[in-house]
C-alpha atoms as a PDB file:
ATOM      1  CA  MET A   1      -0.089   0.060  -0.030  1.00  0.00           C
ATOM      2  CA  ARG A   2       2.825   2.370   0.846  1.00  0.00           C
ATOM      3  CA  LYS A   3       4.326   1.861  -2.742  1.00  0.00           C
ATOM      4  CA  ILE A   4       0.893   2.764  -4.383  1.00  0.00           C
ATOM      5  CA  LEU A   5       0.600   5.870  -2.274  1.00  0.00           C
ATOM      6  CA  GLN A   6       4.162   6.786  -3.257  1.00  0.00           C
ATOM      7  CA  GLY A   7       3.471   6.230  -6.780  1.00  0.00           C
ATOM      8  CA  LEU A   8       0.394   8.328  -6.692  1.00  0.00           C
ATOM      9  CA  GLY A   9       2.482  11.090  -4.806  1.00  0.00           C
ATOM     10  CA  LEU A  10       4.892  10.966  -7.852  1.00  0.00           C
ATOM     11  CA  LEU A  11       2.033  11.268 -10.253  1.00  0.00           C
ATOM     12  CA  VAL A  12       0.635  14.202  -8.303  1.00  0.00           C
ATOM     13  CA  PHE A  13       4.182  15.760  -7.942  1.00  0.00           C
ATOM     14  CA  LEU A  14       4.508  15.441 -11.843  1.00  0.00           C
ATOM     15  CA  ILE A  15       1.015  16.898 -12.501  1.00  0.00           C
ATOM     16  CA  GLY A  16       1.965  20.025 -10.468  1.00  0.00           C
ATOM     17  CA  VAL A  17       5.154  20.642 -12.044  1.00  0.00           C
ATOM     18  CA  SER A  18       4.005  19.816 -15.523  1.00  0.00           C
ATOM     19  CA  GLY A  19       1.096  22.304 -14.921  1.00  0.00           C
ATOM     20  CA  ALA A  20       3.315  24.963 -13.678  1.00  0.00           C
ATOM     21  CA  ILE A  21       5.541  24.532 -16.850  1.00  0.00           C
ATOM     22  CA  ASP A  22       2.405  24.502 -19.264  1.00  0.00           C
ATOM     23  CA  HIS A  23       1.328  27.711 -17.416  1.00  0.00           C
ATOM     24  CA  LEU A  24       4.634  29.541 -17.999  1.00  0.00           C
ATOM     25  CA  TRP A  25       5.631  27.940 -21.408  1.00  0.00           C
ATOM     26  CA  TYR A  26       4.438  24.878 -23.549  1.00  0.00           C
ATOM     27  CA  GLN A  27       4.668  21.344 -22.039  1.00  0.00           C
ATOM     28  CA  PRO A  28       4.449  18.770 -24.881  1.00  0.00           C
ATOM     29  CA  PHE A  29       5.055  15.571 -22.861  1.00  0.00           C
ATOM     30  CA  PHE A  30       1.852  13.428 -21.785  1.00  0.00           C
ATOM     31  CA  GLY A  31      -0.137  16.703 -22.040  1.00  0.00           C
ATOM     32  CA  ILE A  32      -3.505  15.075 -21.341  1.00  0.00           C
ATOM     33  CA  VAL A  33      -2.499  13.451 -18.179  1.00  0.00           C
ATOM     34  CA  LEU A  34      -0.018  15.622 -16.756  1.00  0.00           C
ATOM     35  CA  ASN A  35      -1.808  18.895 -17.404  1.00  0.00           C
ATOM     36  CA  SER A  36      -5.220  17.502 -16.380  1.00  0.00           C
ATOM     37  CA  PHE A  37      -5.179  19.704 -13.103  1.00  0.00           C
ATOM     38  CA  ASN A  38      -4.190  22.766 -15.181  1.00  0.00           C
ATOM     39  CA  ARG A  39      -6.844  22.113 -17.964  1.00  0.00           C
ATOM     40  CA  PHE A  40      -9.848  20.712 -16.181  1.00  0.00           C
ATOM     41  CA  VAL A  41      -9.693  22.249 -12.723  1.00  0.00           C
ATOM     42  CA  VAL A  42      -8.091  25.519 -12.704  1.00  0.00           C
ATOM     43  CA  PRO A  43     -10.380  27.120 -15.505  1.00  0.00           C
ATOM     44  CA  ASN A  44     -13.536  25.974 -13.364  1.00  0.00           C
ATOM     45  CA  VAL A  45     -12.604  27.321 -10.113  1.00  0.00           C
ATOM     46  CA  ALA A  46     -12.748  31.291 -10.016  1.00  0.00           C
ATOM     47  CA  LEU A  47     -10.116  31.570  -7.223  1.00  0.00           C
ATOM     48  CA  LEU A  48      -7.579  29.236  -9.036  1.00  0.00           C
ATOM     49  CA  GLN A  49      -7.709  31.098 -12.280  1.00  0.00           C
ATOM     50  CA  GLU A  50      -6.128  33.992 -10.848  1.00  0.00           C
ATOM     51  CA  TYR A  51      -3.391  32.083  -9.093  1.00  0.00           C
ATOM     52  CA  ALA A  52      -2.932  29.334 -11.598  1.00  0.00           C
ATOM     53  CA  LEU A  53       0.850  29.112 -11.182  1.00  0.00           C
ATOM     54  CA  PHE A  54       0.573  28.992  -7.278  1.00  0.00           C
ATOM     55  CA  ALA A  55      -2.088  26.333  -7.511  1.00  0.00           C
ATOM     56  CA  ASN A  56      -0.034  23.993  -9.580  1.00  0.00           C
ATOM     57  CA  LEU A  57       3.030  24.514  -7.347  1.00  0.00           C
ATOM     58  CA  ALA A  58       0.903  23.563  -4.441  1.00  0.00           C
ATOM     59  CA  VAL A  59      -0.252  20.569  -6.190  1.00  0.00           C
ATOM     60  CA  ALA A  60       3.525  19.594  -6.659  1.00  0.00           C
ATOM     61  CA  VAL A  61       4.168  20.136  -2.952  1.00  0.00           C
ATOM     62  CA  LEU A  62       1.359  18.144  -1.949  1.00  0.00           C
ATOM     63  CA  GLY A  63       2.577  15.232  -3.999  1.00  0.00           C
ATOM     64  CA  GLY A  64       6.095  15.638  -2.611  1.00  0.00           C
ATOM     65  CA  ALA A  65       4.695  15.750   0.885  1.00  0.00           C
ATOM     66  CA  LEU A  66       2.673  12.413   0.182  1.00  0.00           C
ATOM     67  CA  ILE A  67       6.157  10.663  -1.197  1.00  0.00           C
ATOM     68  CA  LEU A  68       7.924  11.915   2.075  1.00  0.00           C
ATOM     69  CA  ALA A  69       5.085  10.799   4.368  1.00  0.00           C
ATOM     70  CA  MET A  70       4.929   7.322   2.858  1.00  0.00           C
ATOM     71  CA  GLU A  71       8.859   7.187   3.112  1.00  0.00           C
ATOM     72  CA  ALA A  72       8.725   8.308   6.842  1.00  0.00           C
ATOM     73  CA  LEU A  73       6.232   5.547   7.446  1.00  0.00           C
ATOM     74  CA  ALA A  74       8.330   2.823   5.911  1.00  0.00           C
ATOM     75  CA  PRO A  75       9.401   0.112   8.350  1.00  0.00           C
ATOM     76  CA  GLU A  76      12.973   0.262   9.100  1.00  0.00           C
ATOM     77  CA  ARG A  77      15.274  -2.171   7.106  1.00  0.00           C
ATOM     78  CA  ARG A  78      17.128  -4.577   9.090  1.00  0.00           C
ATOM     79  CA  ARG A  79      20.598  -5.789   7.758  1.00  0.00           C
END
């Protein structure tokens, strides 16, 4: 379960970074998946329209936090 949540955190992190890149410039890689937040959520929420770059970076931070939280919950490896 931890690995699944880490993978989800990585995906959320990549969505946030990709959305920020797409907001500043053009991001051609996996656009329909990685720019989903930037293209489907941001235009439909009035507050996020004004702060689209900040919203995308906040998504990236949340993804990074999920990865780090799952790593912190990992059982200690014994030698």
